[in-house]
C-alpha atoms as a PDB file:
ATOM      1  CA  UNK A   1      44.429  68.047 101.503  1.00  0.00           C
ATOM      2  CA  UNK A   2      42.710  64.964 100.091  1.00  0.00           C
ATOM      3  CA  UNK A   3      42.525  64.816  96.624  1.00  0.00           C
ATOM      4  CA  UNK A   4      39.330  63.113  95.753  1.00  0.00           C
ATOM      5  CA  UNK A   5      41.225  60.063  94.772  1.00  0.00           C
ATOM      6  CA  UNK A   6      40.670  56.251  95.406  1.00  0.00           C
ATOM      7  CA  UNK A   7      42.770  54.606  98.407  1.00  0.00           C
ATOM      8  CA  UNK A   8      41.708  51.536  98.266  1.00  0.00           C
ATOM      9  CA  UNK A   9      39.633  48.919  96.270  1.00  0.00           C
ATOM     10  CA  UNK A  10      37.136  46.155  96.907  1.00  0.00           C
ATOM     11  CA  UNK A  11      36.827  42.930  96.882  1.00  0.00           C
ATOM     12  CA  UNK A  12      40.674  42.218  97.075  1.00  0.00           C
ATOM     13  CA  UNK A  13      41.344  45.204  99.402  1.00  0.00           C
ATOM     14  CA  UNK A  14      43.031  44.813 102.511  1.00  0.00           C
ATOM     15  CA  UNK A  15      42.285  48.199 104.016  1.00  0.00           C
ATOM     16  CA  UNK A  16      41.835  48.318 107.699  1.00  0.00           C
ATOM     17  CA  UNK A  17      38.380  48.176 108.979  1.00  0.00           C
ATOM     18  CA  UNK A  18      36.893  51.394 109.624  1.00  0.00           C
ATOM     19  CA  UNK A  19      34.888  52.137 112.261  1.00  0.00           C
ATOM     20  CA  UNK A  20      31.449  52.894 110.917  1.00  0.00           C
ATOM     21  CA  UNK A  21      31.281  49.505 109.231  1.00  0.00           C
ATOM     22  CA  UNK A  22      30.073  48.508 112.891  1.00  0.00           C
ATOM     23  CA  UNK A  23      27.065  50.637 112.167  1.00  0.00           C
ATOM     24  CA  UNK A  24      26.549  49.707 108.647  1.00  0.00           C
ATOM     25  CA  UNK A  25      23.216  49.027 107.574  1.00  0.00           C
ATOM     26  CA  UNK A  26      24.124  47.908 104.081  1.00  0.00           C
ATOM     27  CA  UNK A  27      26.647  45.419 104.470  1.00  0.00           C
ATOM     28  CA  UNK A  28      29.930  46.422 102.768  1.00  0.00           C
ATOM     29  CA  UNK A  29      31.651  43.705 103.860  1.00  0.00           C
ATOM     30  CA  UNK A  30      29.356  41.645 101.641  1.00  0.00           C
ATOM     31  CA  UNK A  31      29.115  43.858  99.077  1.00  0.00           C
ATOM     32  CA  UNK A  32      32.674  43.546  98.514  1.00  0.00           C
ATOM     33  CA  UNK A  33      32.916  40.063  98.128  1.00  0.00           C
ATOM     34  CA  UNK A  34      31.160  40.674  94.647  1.00  0.00           C
ATOM     35  CA  UNK A  35      31.385  44.180  93.813  1.00  0.00           C
ATOM     36  CA  UNK A  36      34.258  46.552  93.308  1.00  0.00           C
ATOM     37  CA  UNK A  37      33.739  49.141  95.920  1.00  0.00           C
ATOM     38  CA  UNK A  38      36.176  52.148  96.432  1.00  0.00           C
ATOM     39  CA  UNK A  39      36.604  54.056  99.359  1.00  0.00           C
ATOM     40  CA  UNK A  40      37.274  57.733  98.611  1.00  0.00           C
ATOM     41  CA  UNK A  41      38.818  60.608 100.707  1.00  0.00           C
ATOM     42  CA  UNK A  42      37.199  63.913  99.797  1.00  0.00           C
ATOM     43  CA  UNK A  43      38.426  67.395 101.269  1.00  0.00           C
ATOM     44  CA  UNK A  44      36.571  70.071 102.743  1.00  0.00           C
ATOM     45  CA  UNK A  45      34.974  72.038 100.022  1.00  0.00           C
ATOM     46  CA  UNK A  46      35.195  69.150  97.310  1.00  0.00           C
ATOM     47  CA  UNK A  47      32.597  67.525  95.392  1.00  0.00           C
ATOM     48  CA  UNK A  48      31.227  63.964  95.379  1.00  0.00           C
ATOM     49  CA  UNK A  49      29.463  64.683  92.532  1.00  0.00           C
ATOM     50  CA  UNK A  50      27.686  67.550  90.783  1.00  0.00           C
ATOM     51  CA  UNK A  51      24.188  67.809  89.339  1.00  0.00           C
ATOM     52  CA  UNK A  52      24.501  66.759  85.611  1.00  0.00           C
ATOM     53  CA  UNK A  53      27.486  63.986  86.183  1.00  0.00           C
ATOM     54  CA  UNK A  54      26.516  60.941  84.771  1.00  0.00           C
ATOM     55  CA  UNK A  55      24.945  58.593  87.458  1.00  0.00           C
ATOM     56  CA  UNK A  56      27.018  55.589  87.932  1.00  0.00           C
ATOM     57  CA  UNK A  57      27.139  54.862  91.700  1.00  0.00           C
ATOM     58  CA  UNK A  58      25.720  55.360  95.598  1.00  0.00           C
ATOM     59  CA  UNK A  59      28.071  56.729  97.980  1.00  0.00           C
ATOM     60  CA  UNK A  60      27.789  55.726 101.561  1.00  0.00           C
ATOM     61  CA  UNK A  61      29.384  58.370 104.162  1.00  0.00           C
ATOM     62  CA  UNK A  62      32.139  56.912 106.291  1.00  0.00           C
ATOM     63  CA  UNK A  63      32.838  59.853 108.335  1.00  0.00           C
ATOM     64  CA  UNK A  64      32.543  63.560 107.916  1.00  0.00           C
ATOM     65  CA  UNK A  65      29.587  65.898 107.065  1.00  0.00           C
ATOM     66  CA  UNK A  66      28.546  66.754 103.576  1.00  0.00           C
ATOM     67  CA  UNK A  67      25.780  69.035 102.128  1.00  0.00           C
ATOM     68  CA  UNK A  68      23.467  68.026  99.367  1.00  0.00           C
ATOM     69  CA  UNK A  69      21.999  71.050  97.228  1.00  0.00           C
ATOM     70  CA  UNK A  70      20.210  71.774  94.078  1.00  0.00           C
ATOM     71  CA  UNK A  71      19.736  74.821  92.027  1.00  0.00           C
ATOM     72  CA  UNK A  72      16.334  76.581  92.142  1.00  0.00           C
ATOM     73  CA  UNK A  73      14.385  77.623  88.994  1.00  0.00           C
ATOM     74  CA  UNK A  74      15.574  81.130  89.771  1.00  0.00           C
ATOM     75  CA  UNK A  75      19.139  79.844  89.953  1.00  0.00           C
ATOM     76  CA  UNK A  76      19.622  80.002  93.456  1.00  0.00           C
ATOM     77  CA  UNK A  77      20.998  77.195  95.535  1.00  0.00           C
ATOM     78  CA  UNK A  78      18.383  74.991  97.694  1.00  0.00           C
ATOM     79  CA  UNK A  79      19.951  73.024 100.667  1.00  0.00           C
ATOM     80  CA  UNK A  80      18.254  69.942 100.722  1.00  0.00           C
ATOM     81  CA  UNK A  81      20.281  68.124 103.725  1.00  0.00           C
ATOM     82  CA  UNK A  82      23.493  67.238 105.564  1.00  0.00           C
ATOM     83  CA  UNK A  83      25.022  63.798 105.486  1.00  0.00           C
ATOM     84  CA  UNK A  84      26.595  62.262 108.246  1.00  0.00           C
ATOM     85  CA  UNK A  85      28.073  58.590 108.871  1.00  0.00           C
ATOM     86  CA  UNK A  86      25.952  55.820 107.448  1.00  0.00           C
ATOM     87  CA  UNK A  87      24.106  58.076 105.119  1.00  0.00           C
ATOM     88  CA  UNK A  88      23.636  57.264 101.624  1.00  0.00           C
ATOM     89  CA  UNK A  89      24.313  59.793  99.077  1.00  0.00           C
ATOM     90  CA  UNK A  90      22.676  59.657  95.365  1.00  0.00           C
ATOM     91  CA  UNK A  91      19.460  57.980  96.385  1.00  0.00           C
ATOM     92  CA  UNK A  92      17.558  60.594  94.916  1.00  0.00           C
ATOM     93  CA  UNK A  93      19.072  60.225  91.507  1.00  0.00           C
ATOM     94  CA  UNK A  94      18.411  56.351  91.022  1.00  0.00           C
ATOM     95  CA  UNK A  95      16.399  55.372  87.861  1.00  0.00           C
ATOM     96  CA  UNK A  96      18.015  59.125  86.241  1.00  0.00           C
ATOM     97  CA  UNK A  97      20.712  59.086  83.838  1.00  0.00           C
ATOM     98  CA  UNK A  98      22.603  62.031  85.589  1.00  0.00           C
ATOM     99  CA  UNK A  99      22.687  63.012  89.471  1.00  0.00           C
ATOM    100  CA  UNK A 100      20.117  65.254  90.731  1.00  0.00           C
ATOM    101  CA  UNK A 101      21.834  67.642  93.133  1.00  0.00           C
ATOM    102  CA  UNK A 102      25.350  68.609  94.271  1.00  0.00           C
ATOM    103  CA  UNK A 103      26.945  67.079  97.359  1.00  0.00           C
ATOM    104  CA  UNK A 104      30.099  68.930  98.615  1.00  0.00           C
ATOM    105  CA  UNK A 105      32.020  67.940 101.931  1.00  0.00           C
ATOM    106  CA  UNK A 106      31.964  70.427 104.825  1.00  0.00           C
ATOM    107  CA  UNK A 107      35.004  69.033 106.377  1.00  0.00           C
ATOM    108  CA  UNK A 108      37.335  66.545 105.399  1.00  0.00           C
ATOM    109  CA  UNK A 109      34.932  63.343 104.996  1.00  0.00           C
ATOM    110  CA  UNK A 110      35.234  59.749 103.546  1.00  0.00           C
ATOM    111  CA  UNK A 111      32.886  58.160 101.369  1.00  0.00           C
ATOM    112  CA  UNK A 112      32.267  54.382 100.002  1.00  0.00           C
ATOM    113  CA  UNK A 113      31.618  54.466  96.233  1.00  0.00           C
ATOM    114  CA  UNK A 114      29.025  51.755  95.599  1.00  0.00           C
ATOM    115  CA  UNK A 115      28.579  51.015  91.719  1.00  0.00           C
ATOM    116  CA  UNK A 116      25.234  50.884  91.076  1.00  0.00           C
ATOM    117  CA  UNK A 117      24.306  48.429  88.193  1.00  0.00           C
ATOM    118  CA  UNK A 118      26.817  45.867  89.708  1.00  0.00           C
ATOM    119  CA  UNK A 119      25.260  46.546  93.095  1.00  0.00           C
ATOM    120  CA  UNK A 120      21.941  45.659  91.781  1.00  0.00           C
ATOM    121  CA  UNK A 121      23.599  42.230  90.307  1.00  0.00           C
ATOM    122  CA  UNK A 122      24.821  41.653  93.871  1.00  0.00           C
ATOM    123  CA  UNK A 123      21.689  42.125  95.499  1.00  0.00           C
ATOM    124  CA  UNK A 124      19.987  39.280  93.016  1.00  0.00           C
ATOM    125  CA  UNK A 125      22.663  37.220  94.472  1.00  0.00           C
ATOM    126  CA  UNK A 126      22.538  37.752  97.941  1.00  0.00           C
ATOM    127  CA  UNK A 127      18.717  38.366  98.896  1.00  0.00           C
ATOM    128  CA  UNK A 128      19.588  39.414 102.449  1.00  0.00           C
ATOM    129  CA  UNK A 129      21.887  42.485 100.769  1.00  0.00           C
ATOM    130  CA  UNK A 130      18.551  43.373  98.889  1.00  0.00           C
ATOM    131  CA  UNK A 131      16.717  43.772 101.963  1.00  0.00           C
ATOM    132  CA  UNK A 132      19.360  45.897 104.003  1.00  0.00           C
ATOM    133  CA  UNK A 133      19.646  48.136 100.981  1.00  0.00           C
ATOM    134  CA  UNK A 134      15.821  48.626 100.273  1.00  0.00           C
ATOM    135  CA  UNK A 135      15.663  49.457 104.293  1.00  0.00           C
ATOM    136  CA  UNK A 136      18.371  52.084 104.078  1.00  0.00           C
ATOM    137  CA  UNK A 137      16.875  53.644 100.921  1.00  0.00           C
ATOM    138  CA  UNK A 138      13.151  53.541 102.693  1.00  0.00           C
ATOM    139  CA  UNK A 139      14.931  55.190 105.976  1.00  0.00           C
ATOM    140  CA  UNK A 140      16.324  57.962 103.748  1.00  0.00           C
ATOM    141  CA  UNK A 141      12.784  58.484 102.343  1.00  0.00           C
ATOM    142  CA  UNK A 142      11.354  58.846 105.547  1.00  0.00           C
ATOM    143  CA  UNK A 143      13.485  60.978 106.882  1.00  0.00           C
ATOM    144  CA  UNK A 144      13.239  63.602 103.638  1.00  0.00           C
ATOM    145  CA  UNK A 145       9.282  63.266 104.139  1.00  0.00           C
ATOM    146  CA  UNK A 146       9.760  64.155 107.923  1.00  0.00           C
ATOM    147  CA  UNK A 147      11.841  67.131 106.957  1.00  0.00           C
ATOM    148  CA  UNK A 148       9.393  68.729 104.573  1.00  0.00           C
ATOM    149  CA  UNK A 149       6.416  68.173 106.805  1.00  0.00           C
ATOM    150  CA  UNK A 150       8.524  69.740 109.275  1.00  0.00           C
ATOM    151  CA  UNK A 151       9.291  72.845 107.219  1.00  0.00           C
ATOM    152  CA  UNK A 152       5.816  73.181 106.078  1.00  0.00           C
ATOM    153  CA  UNK A 153       4.105  72.994 109.390  1.00  0.00           C
ATOM    154  CA  UNK A 154       6.537  74.504 112.157  1.00  0.00           C
ATOM    155  CA  UNK A 155       7.486  78.294 112.900  1.00  0.00           C
ATOM    156  CA  UNK A 156      11.193  79.266 112.946  1.00  0.00           C
ATOM    157  CA  UNK A 157      11.918  78.684 116.727  1.00  0.00           C
ATOM    158  CA  UNK A 158      10.371  74.938 116.214  1.00  0.00           C
ATOM    159  CA  UNK A 159      12.622  74.306 113.308  1.00  0.00           C
ATOM    160  CA  UNK A 160      15.775  75.275 114.553  1.00  0.00           C
ATOM    161  CA  UNK A 161      14.570  73.429 117.533  1.00  0.00           C
ATOM    162  CA  UNK A 162      13.759  70.555 115.761  1.00  0.00           C
ATOM    163  CA  UNK A 163      17.149  70.855 113.732  1.00  0.00           C
ATOM    164  CA  UNK A 164      19.149  70.499 116.714  1.00  0.00           C
ATOM    165  CA  UNK A 165      17.309  67.567 118.002  1.00  0.00           C
ATOM    166  CA  UNK A 166      17.458  65.801 114.854  1.00  0.00           C
ATOM    167  CA  UNK A 167      21.503  66.460 114.674  1.00  0.00           C
ATOM    168  CA  UNK A 168      21.594  65.087 118.552  1.00  0.00           C
ATOM    169  CA  UNK A 169      19.852  61.994 117.532  1.00  0.00           C
ATOM    170  CA  UNK A 170      22.051  61.198 114.436  1.00  0.00           C
ATOM    171  CA  UNK A 171      25.240  61.923 116.832  1.00  0.00           C
ATOM    172  CA  UNK A 172      24.110  59.399 119.397  1.00  0.00           C
ATOM    173  CA  UNK A 173      23.136  56.649 116.561  1.00  0.00           C
ATOM    174  CA  UNK A 174      26.596  56.763 115.409  1.00  0.00           C
ATOM    175  CA  UNK A 175      28.204  56.681 118.659  1.00  0.00           C
ATOM    176  CA  UNK A 176      29.059  60.272 119.269  1.00  0.00           C
ATOM    177  CA  UNK A 177      28.238  62.498 122.142  1.00  0.00           C
ATOM    178  CA  UNK A 178      24.363  63.785 121.341  1.00  0.00           C
ATOM    179  CA  UNK A 179      24.743  66.771 123.946  1.00  0.00           C
ATOM    180  CA  UNK A 180      27.678  68.491 122.652  1.00  0.00           C
ATOM    181  CA  UNK A 181      28.850  68.667 119.044  1.00  0.00           C
ATOM    182  CA  UNK A 182      30.055  70.996 116.146  1.00  0.00           C
ATOM    183  CA  UNK A 183      27.619  72.636 113.628  1.00  0.00           C
ATOM    184  CA  UNK A 184      29.815  71.410 110.467  1.00  0.00           C
ATOM    185  CA  UNK A 185      27.405  73.649 108.274  1.00  0.00           C
ATOM    186  CA  UNK A 186      27.587  77.371 108.378  1.00  0.00           C
ATOM    187  CA  UNK A 187      24.429  79.716 109.397  1.00  0.00           C
ATOM    188  CA  UNK A 188      23.802  80.380 106.149  1.00  0.00           C
ATOM    189  CA  UNK A 189      23.388  76.886 105.021  1.00  0.00           C
ATOM    190  CA  UNK A 190      21.767  76.202 108.035  1.00  0.00           C
ATOM    191  CA  UNK A 191      19.273  78.949 107.321  1.00  0.00           C
ATOM    192  CA  UNK A 192      18.902  77.974 103.824  1.00  0.00           C
ATOM    193  CA  UNK A 193      17.994  74.440 104.973  1.00  0.00           C
ATOM    194  CA  UNK A 194      15.141  75.461 107.512  1.00  0.00           C
ATOM    195  CA  UNK A 195      13.575  78.226 104.939  1.00  0.00           C
ATOM    196  CA  UNK A 196      14.690  80.721 107.205  1.00  0.00           C
ATOM    197  CA  UNK A 197      16.418  83.917 106.889  1.00  0.00           C
ATOM    198  CA  UNK A 198      20.381  83.915 108.439  1.00  0.00           C
ATOM    199  CA  UNK A 199      19.481  86.707 110.819  1.00  0.00           C
ATOM    200  CA  UNK A 200      16.540  84.731 112.028  1.00  0.00           C
ATOM    201  CA  UNK A 201      18.330  81.628 112.501  1.00  0.00           C
ATOM    202  CA  UNK A 202      21.051  83.372 114.857  1.00  0.00           C
ATOM    203  CA  UNK A 203      18.303  85.197 116.625  1.00  0.00           C
ATOM    204  CA  UNK A 204      16.860  81.968 117.746  1.00  0.00           C
ATOM    205  CA  UNK A 205      19.844  80.528 118.486  1.00  0.00           C
ATOM    206  CA  UNK A 206      20.365  83.243 120.980  1.00  0.00           C
ATOM    207  CA  UNK A 207      17.259  83.116 122.135  1.00  0.00           C
ATOM    208  CA  UNK A 208      17.395  79.527 123.105  1.00  0.00           C
ATOM    209  CA  UNK A 209      20.750  80.235 124.684  1.00  0.00           C
ATOM    210  CA  UNK A 210      19.351  83.049 126.696  1.00  0.00           C
ATOM    211  CA  UNK A 211      16.583  80.561 127.982  1.00  0.00           C
ATOM    212  CA  UNK A 212      19.111  78.195 129.397  1.00  0.00           C
ATOM    213  CA  UNK A 213      18.471  75.334 126.514  1.00  0.00           C
ATOM    214  CA  UNK A 214      21.719  75.656 124.784  1.00  0.00           C
ATOM    215  CA  UNK A 215      25.060  77.072 124.916  1.00  0.00           C
ATOM    216  CA  UNK A 216      26.681  78.178 121.527  1.00  0.00           C
ATOM    217  CA  UNK A 217      29.918  79.269 120.976  1.00  0.00           C
ATOM    218  CA  UNK A 218      30.422  79.967 117.203  1.00  0.00           C
ATOM    219  CA  UNK A 219      29.756  76.492 116.078  1.00  0.00           C
ATOM    220  CA  UNK A 220      30.155  74.686 119.129  1.00  0.00           C
ATOM    221  CA  UNK A 221      26.792  73.703 120.511  1.00  0.00           C
ATOM    222  CA  UNK A 222      25.828  71.983 123.996  1.00  0.00           C
ATOM    223  CA  UNK A 223      22.323  70.960 124.745  1.00  0.00           C
ATOM    224  CA  UNK A 224      21.496  71.783 128.276  1.00  0.00           C
ATOM    225  CA  UNK A 225      17.350  70.948 128.184  1.00  0.00           C
ATOM    226  CA  UNK A 226      16.771  68.547 125.426  1.00  0.00           C
ATOM    227  CA  UNK A 227      12.924  68.127 126.819  1.00  0.00           C
ATOM    228  CA  UNK A 228      12.323  71.860 126.595  1.00  0.00           C
ATOM    229  CA  UNK A 229      13.874  71.770 123.134  1.00  0.00           C
ATOM    230  CA  UNK A 230      11.674  69.235 122.598  1.00  0.00           C
ATOM    231  CA  UNK A 231       8.673  71.051 123.538  1.00  0.00           C
ATOM    232  CA  UNK A 232       9.343  73.917 121.185  1.00  0.00           C
ATOM    233  CA  UNK A 233      10.192  71.494 118.225  1.00  0.00           C
ATOM    234  CA  UNK A 234       6.309  70.215 118.504  1.00  0.00           C
ATOM    235  CA  UNK A 235       4.775  73.556 118.943  1.00  0.00           C
ATOM    236  CA  UNK A 236       3.825  74.906 115.196  1.00  0.00           C
ATOM    237  CA  UNK A 237       2.677  77.952 116.510  1.00  0.00           C
ATOM    238  CA  UNK A 238       6.188  78.685 117.770  1.00  0.00           C
ATOM    239  CA  UNK A 239       7.037  81.944 115.609  1.00  0.00           C
ATOM    240  CA  UNK A 240       9.732  84.326 116.924  1.00  0.00           C
END
């Protein structure tokens, strides 16, 4: 198991170039010329950081799947997202003294630690790097805003359909099969994120499978009819 410890350090590091850098929107290689960037392996169940810890860096997901969550006012966990290769972690904490959420690995994963103040200095030296970072931050904000709209306007079946299509799209963007993938999160976390009951998520998945739109075998999902899923995802009245 991983020990959440650094395994290589830039800019002097000579570690093999990871696959995800071919799809890196931030410019890790350029950044490593100016900043000490640390690549970390994180075992399933381990935290990258916890809410309340001093904010010192952003993290770029190299591979794996991680969950972000916050504590609600009543002390319950609120899942706020699932991050995959190429996603930035810690964006919501920019401007704060401490991290605003927890990030835990749902499977063995890898992240790049990007020290924040030095990274800003590097961006001043390399305007193109500043532009790429800004675009990445904006993309994260747009995605989160879209999901807020989804949760606020769609019924249960539409939320689940939209969630599956979003996962398919994200898998495709990082070069994986968009029609066959594994749900790295448990049903409880999925339900929490979609603001639904656990039983409702299971019932909707079974309903979609019975209709021939998907196949579900535990956490393995195969999308059979993406067009039909898209129709359900856009139907604000689809509540089952």
